[in-house]
Amino acid sequence: METPLFTFAQKASLLTEATSPQWGTMTAPAMLEHLTNALRLSQRKFEVEMKVGEREAAILKRRTIGSENPLPKNIDSPISPKDTPLQYATLAEAHAAFFSELASYYDFFSRNPDAATLHPLFGFVNFSEWEKFHFKHFTHHFTQFGLL
Protein backbone atom coordinates (compact mmCIF):
# COMPACT_ATOMS: atom_id res chain seq x y z
CA MET A 1 0.00 0.00 0.00
CA GLU A 2 1.52 3.29 -1.05
CA THR A 3 -0.11 6.09 0.88
CA PRO A 4 1.89 8.73 2.75
CA LEU A 5 0.46 7.57 6.08
CA PHE A 6 1.18 3.89 5.39
CA THR A 7 4.72 4.67 4.26
CA PHE A 8 5.23 6.78 7.38
CA ALA A 9 3.75 4.02 9.57
CA GLN A 10 6.54 1.69 8.44
CA LYS A 11 8.71 3.44 11.06
CA ALA A 12 6.83 1.39 13.67
CA SER A 13 8.78 -1.63 12.43
CA LEU A 14 11.86 -0.16 14.12
CA LEU A 15 10.37 -0.68 17.58
CA THR A 16 11.74 -3.44 19.78
CA GLU A 17 10.78 -4.69 23.24
CA ALA A 18 13.72 -2.65 24.55
CA THR A 19 12.63 0.64 22.97
CA SER A 20 11.92 3.05 25.82
CA PRO A 21 9.87 6.23 25.65
CA GLN A 22 11.53 9.62 25.93
CA TRP A 23 8.55 10.73 28.04
CA GLY A 24 5.50 9.10 29.55
CA THR A 25 5.01 5.59 30.84
CA MET A 26 3.75 3.69 27.77
CA THR A 27 5.68 0.67 26.59
CA ALA A 28 6.34 0.07 22.90
CA PRO A 29 3.61 -2.62 22.68
CA ALA A 30 1.14 -0.36 24.52
CA MET A 31 1.87 2.50 22.13
CA LEU A 32 1.25 0.31 19.08
CA GLU A 33 -2.01 -0.92 20.59
CA HIS A 34 -2.99 2.68 21.31
CA LEU A 35 -2.40 3.65 17.66
CA THR A 36 -4.27 0.53 16.54
CA ASN A 37 -7.24 1.53 18.67
CA ALA A 38 -7.23 5.01 17.14
CA LEU A 39 -7.37 3.42 13.68
CA ARG A 40 -10.28 1.23 14.86
CA LEU A 41 -12.05 4.30 16.23
CA SER A 42 -11.83 6.01 12.85
CA GLN A 43 -13.66 3.05 11.29
CA ARG A 44 -16.49 2.88 13.87
CA LYS A 45 -15.25 -0.46 15.17
CA PHE A 46 -16.29 0.55 18.66
CA GLU A 47 -18.64 3.12 20.08
CA VAL A 48 -17.54 6.22 21.95
CA GLU A 49 -19.38 9.04 23.60
CA MET A 50 -18.55 12.69 23.21
CA LYS A 51 -16.42 13.94 26.09
CA VAL A 52 -17.09 17.61 25.32
CA GLY A 53 -19.89 19.76 23.97
CA GLU A 54 -20.34 20.60 20.30
CA ARG A 55 -18.77 24.06 20.54
CA GLU A 56 -15.70 22.79 22.43
CA ALA A 57 -15.36 19.89 19.95
CA ALA A 58 -15.22 22.35 17.05
CA ILE A 59 -12.53 24.37 18.83
CA LEU A 60 -10.49 21.26 19.71
CA LYS A 61 -10.79 19.93 16.17
CA ARG A 62 -9.57 23.23 14.70
CA ARG A 63 -6.70 23.50 17.21
CA THR A 64 -5.62 19.89 16.77
CA ILE A 65 -6.44 18.71 13.26
CA GLY A 66 -6.58 22.15 11.67
CA SER A 67 -3.23 23.37 12.93
CA GLU A 68 0.40 22.52 12.40
CA ASN A 69 1.01 22.35 16.15
CA PRO A 70 2.22 18.99 17.48
CA LEU A 71 0.23 17.09 20.06
CA PRO A 72 1.42 18.03 23.55
CA LYS A 73 3.52 15.57 25.53
CA ASN A 74 1.80 13.57 28.29
CA ILE A 75 -1.71 14.28 26.98
CA ASP A 76 -4.36 11.88 28.31
CA SER A 77 -6.16 9.75 25.76
CA PRO A 78 -9.94 9.74 25.79
CA ILE A 79 -10.02 6.17 24.40
CA SER A 80 -7.02 4.43 26.01
CA PRO A 81 -6.94 4.77 29.79
CA LYS A 82 -3.51 4.25 31.35
CA ASP A 83 -4.54 1.03 33.09
CA THR A 84 -5.87 -0.70 29.94
CA PRO A 85 -4.45 -4.24 29.78
CA LEU A 86 -2.51 -5.19 26.65
CA GLN A 87 -4.47 -7.08 24.00
CA TYR A 88 -1.50 -8.84 22.41
CA ALA A 89 1.03 -11.13 24.04
CA THR A 90 4.02 -10.00 21.97
CA LEU A 91 5.32 -6.95 20.18
CA ALA A 92 5.20 -8.95 16.93
CA GLU A 93 1.46 -9.50 17.42
CA ALA A 94 0.98 -5.78 18.17
CA HIS A 95 2.90 -4.89 14.98
CA ALA A 96 0.77 -7.27 12.92
CA ALA A 97 -2.47 -5.87 14.37
CA PHE A 98 -1.31 -2.29 13.76
CA PHE A 99 -0.53 -2.88 10.08
CA SER A 100 -3.66 -4.97 9.59
CA GLU A 101 -5.79 -2.20 11.08
CA LEU A 102 -4.06 0.41 8.94
CA ALA A 103 -4.97 -1.57 5.81
CA SER A 104 -8.51 -1.97 7.14
CA TYR A 105 -8.72 1.81 7.70
CA TYR A 106 -7.93 2.49 4.05
CA ASP A 107 -10.34 -0.22 2.94
CA PHE A 108 -13.11 1.27 5.11
CA PHE A 109 -12.72 4.74 3.62
CA SER A 110 -12.35 3.43 0.06
CA ARG A 111 -15.74 1.74 0.51
CA ASN A 112 -17.21 4.71 2.45
CA PRO A 113 -15.54 7.83 1.01
CA ASP A 114 -18.10 10.21 2.48
CA ALA A 115 -18.10 8.68 5.96
CA ALA A 116 -17.57 10.85 9.00
CA THR A 117 -16.94 8.93 12.20
CA LEU A 118 -17.12 10.10 15.78
CA HIS A 119 -14.06 11.14 17.75
CA PRO A 120 -14.78 11.77 21.47
CA LEU A 121 -13.07 15.18 21.45
CA PHE A 122 -13.50 16.42 17.87
CA GLY A 123 -16.98 15.27 16.94
CA PHE A 124 -17.49 13.84 13.47
CA VAL A 125 -14.28 13.51 11.45
CA ASN A 126 -14.05 12.76 7.72
CA PHE A 127 -11.31 10.86 5.88
CA SER A 128 -9.17 13.92 5.14
CA GLU A 129 -9.34 14.99 8.78
CA TRP A 130 -8.57 11.46 10.01
CA GLU A 131 -5.52 11.40 7.73
CA LYS A 132 -4.23 14.60 9.31
CA PHE A 133 -5.01 13.39 12.81
CA HIS A 134 -3.40 9.95 12.36
CA PHE A 135 -0.29 11.49 10.80
CA LYS A 136 -0.01 13.91 13.71
CA HIS A 137 -0.77 11.14 16.24
CA PHE A 138 1.80 8.77 14.71
CA THR A 139 4.35 11.61 14.69
CA HIS A 140 3.67 12.28 18.38
CA HIS A 141 4.25 8.66 19.42
CA PHE A 142 7.08 7.96 17.00
CA THR A 143 8.86 10.99 18.46
CA GLN A 144 8.07 9.74 21.97
CA PHE A 145 9.85 6.46 21.15
CA GLY A 146 12.79 8.00 19.27
CA LEU A 147 11.73 6.79 15.84
CA LEU A 148 11.86 10.36 14.46
C-alpha atoms as a PDB file:
ATOM      1  CA  MET A   1       0.000   0.000   0.000  1.00  0.00           C
ATOM      2  CA  GLU A   2       1.520   3.290  -1.047  1.00  0.00           C
ATOM      3  CA  THR A   3      -0.107   6.095   0.875  1.00  0.00           C
ATOM      4  CA  PRO A   4       1.889   8.731   2.747  1.00  0.00           C
ATOM      5  CA  LEU A   5       0.462   7.566   6.082  1.00  0.00           C
ATOM      6  CA  PHE A   6       1.179   3.893   5.393  1.00  0.00           C
ATOM      7  CA  THR A   7       4.720   4.669   4.263  1.00  0.00           C
ATOM      8  CA  PHE A   8       5.234   6.785   7.385  1.00  0.00           C
ATOM      9  CA  ALA A   9       3.753   4.024   9.574  1.00  0.00           C
ATOM     10  CA  GLN A  10       6.543   1.689   8.444  1.00  0.00           C
ATOM     11  CA  LYS A  11       8.709   3.436  11.064  1.00  0.00           C
ATOM     12  CA  ALA A  12       6.833   1.393  13.675  1.00  0.00           C
ATOM     13  CA  SER A  13       8.782  -1.633  12.433  1.00  0.00           C
ATOM     14  CA  LEU A  14      11.862  -0.162  14.124  1.00  0.00           C
ATOM     15  CA  LEU A  15      10.367  -0.676  17.582  1.00  0.00           C
ATOM     16  CA  THR A  16      11.738  -3.437  19.782  1.00  0.00           C
ATOM     17  CA  GLU A  17      10.775  -4.690  23.243  1.00  0.00           C
ATOM     18  CA  ALA A  18      13.721  -2.652  24.545  1.00  0.00           C
ATOM     19  CA  THR A  19      12.629   0.636  22.970  1.00  0.00           C
ATOM     20  CA  SER A  20      11.920   3.053  25.822  1.00  0.00           C
ATOM     21  CA  PRO A  21       9.871   6.226  25.652  1.00  0.00           C
ATOM     22  CA  GLN A  22      11.531   9.618  25.933  1.00  0.00           C
ATOM     23  CA  TRP A  23       8.552  10.732  28.039  1.00  0.00           C
ATOM     24  CA  GLY A  24       5.498   9.100  29.551  1.00  0.00           C
ATOM     25  CA  THR A  25       5.011   5.586  30.842  1.00  0.00           C
ATOM     26  CA  MET A  26       3.752   3.686  27.773  1.00  0.00           C
ATOM     27  CA  THR A  27       5.682   0.673  26.593  1.00  0.00           C
ATOM     28  CA  ALA A  28       6.339   0.069  22.898  1.00  0.00           C
ATOM     29  CA  PRO A  29       3.610  -2.617  22.676  1.00  0.00           C
ATOM     30  CA  ALA A  30       1.141  -0.362  24.524  1.00  0.00           C
ATOM     31  CA  MET A  31       1.872   2.501  22.132  1.00  0.00           C
ATOM     32  CA  LEU A  32       1.248   0.305  19.082  1.00  0.00           C
ATOM     33  CA  GLU A  33      -2.012  -0.922  20.591  1.00  0.00           C
ATOM     34  CA  HIS A  34      -2.988   2.678  21.315  1.00  0.00           C
ATOM     35  CA  LEU A  35      -2.400   3.655  17.658  1.00  0.00           C
ATOM     36  CA  THR A  36      -4.267   0.528  16.542  1.00  0.00           C
ATOM     37  CA  ASN A  37      -7.244   1.534  18.673  1.00  0.00           C
ATOM     38  CA  ALA A  38      -7.229   5.014  17.144  1.00  0.00           C
ATOM     39  CA  LEU A  39      -7.373   3.416  13.678  1.00  0.00           C
ATOM     40  CA  ARG A  40     -10.277   1.233  14.861  1.00  0.00           C
ATOM     41  CA  LEU A  41     -12.050   4.301  16.225  1.00  0.00           C
ATOM     42  CA  SER A  42     -11.826   6.014  12.852  1.00  0.00           C
ATOM     43  CA  GLN A  43     -13.665   3.047  11.287  1.00  0.00           C
ATOM     44  CA  ARG A  44     -16.486   2.876  13.868  1.00  0.00           C
ATOM     45  CA  LYS A  45     -15.246  -0.459  15.171  1.00  0.00           C
ATOM     46  CA  PHE A  46     -16.286   0.551  18.661  1.00  0.00           C
ATOM     47  CA  GLU A  47     -18.642   3.124  20.079  1.00  0.00           C
ATOM     48  CA  VAL A  48     -17.538   6.219  21.952  1.00  0.00           C
ATOM     49  CA  GLU A  49     -19.382   9.038  23.601  1.00  0.00           C
ATOM     50  CA  MET A  50     -18.545  12.688  23.206  1.00  0.00           C
ATOM     51  CA  LYS A  51     -16.419  13.939  26.092  1.00  0.00           C
ATOM     52  CA  VAL A  52     -17.094  17.608  25.322  1.00  0.00           C
ATOM     53  CA  GLY A  53     -19.891  19.764  23.966  1.00  0.00           C
ATOM     54  CA  GLU A  54     -20.343  20.599  20.302  1.00  0.00           C
ATOM     55  CA  ARG A  55     -18.767  24.058  20.544  1.00  0.00           C
ATOM     56  CA  GLU A  56     -15.701  22.789  22.427  1.00  0.00           C
ATOM     57  CA  ALA A  57     -15.362  19.892  19.953  1.00  0.00           C
ATOM     58  CA  ALA A  58     -15.224  22.350  17.051  1.00  0.00           C
ATOM     59  CA  ILE A  59     -12.528  24.366  18.831  1.00  0.00           C
ATOM     60  CA  LEU A  60     -10.492  21.260  19.714  1.00  0.00           C
ATOM     61  CA  LYS A  61     -10.790  19.931  16.172  1.00  0.00           C
ATOM     62  CA  ARG A  62      -9.573  23.232  14.698  1.00  0.00           C
ATOM     63  CA  ARG A  63      -6.699  23.502  17.213  1.00  0.00           C
ATOM     64  CA  THR A  64      -5.620  19.888  16.768  1.00  0.00           C
ATOM     65  CA  ILE A  65      -6.440  18.713  13.262  1.00  0.00           C
ATOM     66  CA  GLY A  66      -6.585  22.147  11.666  1.00  0.00           C
ATOM     67  CA  SER A  67      -3.232  23.373  12.934  1.00  0.00           C
ATOM     68  CA  GLU A  68       0.400  22.522  12.399  1.00  0.00           C
ATOM     69  CA  ASN A  69       1.010  22.346  16.151  1.00  0.00           C
ATOM     70  CA  PRO A  70       2.224  18.992  17.478  1.00  0.00           C
ATOM     71  CA  LEU A  71       0.230  17.090  20.058  1.00  0.00           C
ATOM     72  CA  PRO A  72       1.417  18.025  23.555  1.00  0.00           C
ATOM     73  CA  LYS A  73       3.521  15.569  25.535  1.00  0.00           C
ATOM     74  CA  ASN A  74       1.800  13.574  28.286  1.00  0.00           C
ATOM     75  CA  ILE A  75      -1.705  14.278  26.979  1.00  0.00           C
ATOM     76  CA  ASP A  76      -4.356  11.875  28.312  1.00  0.00           C
ATOM     77  CA  SER A  77      -6.159   9.753  25.759  1.00  0.00           C
ATOM     78  CA  PRO A  78      -9.945   9.736  25.794  1.00  0.00           C
ATOM     79  CA  ILE A  79     -10.017   6.167  24.402  1.00  0.00           C
ATOM     80  CA  SER A  80      -7.017   4.435  26.015  1.00  0.00           C
ATOM     81  CA  PRO A  81      -6.939   4.775  29.790  1.00  0.00           C
ATOM     82  CA  LYS A  82      -3.514   4.254  31.354  1.00  0.00           C
ATOM     83  CA  ASP A  83      -4.544   1.026  33.086  1.00  0.00           C
ATOM     84  CA  THR A  84      -5.867  -0.698  29.942  1.00  0.00           C
ATOM     85  CA  PRO A  85      -4.448  -4.243  29.775  1.00  0.00           C
ATOM     86  CA  LEU A  86      -2.506  -5.188  26.647  1.00  0.00           C
ATOM     87  CA  GLN A  87      -4.473  -7.080  24.001  1.00  0.00           C
ATOM     88  CA  TYR A  88      -1.504  -8.841  22.409  1.00  0.00           C
ATOM     89  CA  ALA A  89       1.027 -11.134  24.039  1.00  0.00           C
ATOM     90  CA  THR A  90       4.025 -10.004  21.969  1.00  0.00           C
ATOM     91  CA  LEU A  91       5.323  -6.954  20.180  1.00  0.00           C
ATOM     92  CA  ALA A  92       5.201  -8.951  16.932  1.00  0.00           C
ATOM     93  CA  GLU A  93       1.458  -9.503  17.419  1.00  0.00           C
ATOM     94  CA  ALA A  94       0.981  -5.781  18.174  1.00  0.00           C
ATOM     95  CA  HIS A  95       2.898  -4.890  14.979  1.00  0.00           C
ATOM     96  CA  ALA A  96       0.767  -7.269  12.924  1.00  0.00           C
ATOM     97  CA  ALA A  97      -2.472  -5.869  14.372  1.00  0.00           C
ATOM     98  CA  PHE A  98      -1.307  -2.287  13.760  1.00  0.00           C
ATOM     99  CA  PHE A  99      -0.528  -2.876  10.075  1.00  0.00           C
ATOM    100  CA  SER A 100      -3.662  -4.965   9.585  1.00  0.00           C
ATOM    101  CA  GLU A 101      -5.792  -2.198  11.083  1.00  0.00           C
ATOM    102  CA  LEU A 102      -4.064   0.414   8.940  1.00  0.00           C
ATOM    103  CA  ALA A 103      -4.967  -1.567   5.814  1.00  0.00           C
ATOM    104  CA  SER A 104      -8.514  -1.972   7.138  1.00  0.00           C
ATOM    105  CA  TYR A 105      -8.724   1.808   7.703  1.00  0.00           C
ATOM    106  CA  TYR A 106      -7.929   2.486   4.047  1.00  0.00           C
ATOM    107  CA  ASP A 107     -10.338  -0.217   2.944  1.00  0.00           C
ATOM    108  CA  PHE A 108     -13.114   1.266   5.113  1.00  0.00           C
ATOM    109  CA  PHE A 109     -12.725   4.740   3.615  1.00  0.00           C
ATOM    110  CA  SER A 110     -12.347   3.428   0.061  1.00  0.00           C
ATOM    111  CA  ARG A 111     -15.745   1.735   0.509  1.00  0.00           C
ATOM    112  CA  ASN A 112     -17.207   4.709   2.449  1.00  0.00           C
ATOM    113  CA  PRO A 113     -15.535   7.833   1.011  1.00  0.00           C
ATOM    114  CA  ASP A 114     -18.100  10.210   2.479  1.00  0.00           C
ATOM    115  CA  ALA A 115     -18.099   8.676   5.963  1.00  0.00           C
ATOM    116  CA  ALA A 116     -17.567  10.852   8.995  1.00  0.00           C
ATOM    117  CA  THR A 117     -16.940   8.933  12.200  1.00  0.00           C
ATOM    118  CA  LEU A 118     -17.121  10.098  15.779  1.00  0.00           C
ATOM    119  CA  HIS A 119     -14.057  11.143  17.750  1.00  0.00           C
ATOM    120  CA  PRO A 120     -14.778  11.775  21.465  1.00  0.00           C
ATOM    121  CA  LEU A 121     -13.072  15.182  21.451  1.00  0.00           C
ATOM    122  CA  PHE A 122     -13.497  16.420  17.871  1.00  0.00           C
ATOM    123  CA  GLY A 123     -16.983  15.266  16.940  1.00  0.00           C
ATOM    124  CA  PHE A 124     -17.490  13.835  13.467  1.00  0.00           C
ATOM    125  CA  VAL A 125     -14.282  13.506  11.451  1.00  0.00           C
ATOM    126  CA  ASN A 126     -14.052  12.759   7.717  1.00  0.00           C
ATOM    127  CA  PHE A 127     -11.315  10.865   5.881  1.00  0.00           C
ATOM    128  CA  SER A 128      -9.174  13.924   5.137  1.00  0.00           C
ATOM    129  CA  GLU A 129      -9.344  14.992   8.777  1.00  0.00           C
ATOM    130  CA  TRP A 130      -8.567  11.464  10.011  1.00  0.00           C
ATOM    131  CA  GLU A 131      -5.518  11.397   7.725  1.00  0.00           C
ATOM    132  CA  LYS A 132      -4.231  14.605   9.306  1.00  0.00           C
ATOM    133  CA  PHE A 133      -5.014  13.389  12.809  1.00  0.00           C
ATOM    134  CA  HIS A 134      -3.399   9.955  12.362  1.00  0.00           C
ATOM    135  CA  PHE A 135      -0.289  11.493  10.798  1.00  0.00           C
ATOM    136  CA  LYS A 136      -0.011  13.909  13.712  1.00  0.00           C
ATOM    137  CA  HIS A 137      -0.766  11.142  16.238  1.00  0.00           C
ATOM    138  CA  PHE A 138       1.805   8.771  14.708  1.00  0.00           C
ATOM    139  CA  THR A 139       4.354  11.611  14.685  1.00  0.00           C
ATOM    140  CA  HIS A 140       3.675  12.283  18.377  1.00  0.00           C
ATOM    141  CA  HIS A 141       4.248   8.663  19.425  1.00  0.00           C
ATOM    142  CA  PHE A 142       7.083   7.960  16.999  1.00  0.00           C
ATOM    143  CA  THR A 143       8.863  10.990  18.460  1.00  0.00           C
ATOM    144  CA  GLN A 144       8.065   9.738  21.969  1.00  0.00           C
ATOM    145  CA  PHE A 145       9.845   6.459  21.153  1.00  0.00           C
ATOM    146  CA  GLY A 146      12.789   7.998  19.274  1.00  0.00           C
ATOM    147  CA  LEU A 147      11.732   6.792  15.836  1.00  0.00           C
ATOM    148  CA  LEU A 148      11.859  10.359  14.463  1.00  0.00           C
END
